[in-house]
Amino acid sequence: MGTINTPIIEVKEEIERFLNAIHALLPSRNCVSQYLFMMPKDYPTMYELYPEFLADPLFRERMGKAFGIEYGSRVECRYDLLGGQFVNFMNIIFRILETRDVRLALCEILGVSDDVLLHPKKEWIKARIEGLMSDKENWPLISRVLKILSETMEPYKYWRDKMNLCEVLKISLDELNRLIRYPLVLGLVSEENKHGRQGYSINAEIQPYTDYLIELLGSNNPLQGGP
């Protein structure tokens, strides 16, 4: 039985449309989705990243009412309204589309390989890396920091002491903190202290994908080689 006014359904095509609709909502593909995914953050940082959403007071107010966005020292979404519920929904989709059995079944239905089937989490990581690459002056050192953290196993997995990073990269602490700002903002790196030592680590969200991250860095890193 078809849908109303659609007597014949091409099931494979409908599933492709269904997945394409999800694809169009990913933060890697949709600026509104990306804007919501970046919350919560302090107002100046959000304005720097997304002035189009914040510069006009009337538009900002309407966005706030439509998506449940609250503005103050921080820009954040209320969990129970459209923006917060959308991000929660997309995170569930991210998780489900990582499931091996789900991916295998979709590949069999569509007749494609796993490499061809969309992988929302990997695409979102890649989009953020591409954003960092646009800073051509700082990208070589930023990419090297990410590679060092991704390959570190001891004394703590994916973590390095700030002073150790400075020594390896031959830069000052101020320079390191400046380089790390955008990886921090984009959620690729987190600041973490270990036994009183200040350091940086690959964000917990990214840690299951360090092999993929290293692959991206290897293909786009002008500074090849280990630390």
Foldseek 3Di string as FASTA:
>chain_A
DDDVVPPDDPVLVVVVVVLVVLVCLFLLNDVVNVLLVLPWDFPVVSCVVCVVCPVDPVSVVVCCVQFVWDDDRITHHDCVGRSNVVNVVNVVVLVVCVDPVVLVVNCVSNVHDSVPRDRRLLSLVLSLLVVLVVPVVLNQVLLQLLLQLLPDPPPHHSKDFLVVSCVVVVHDSVVVCVSCVSVVSSQQKDWDDDPNTTIIGGHPSCNVPSVVSNVSSVVVHPDDDHD
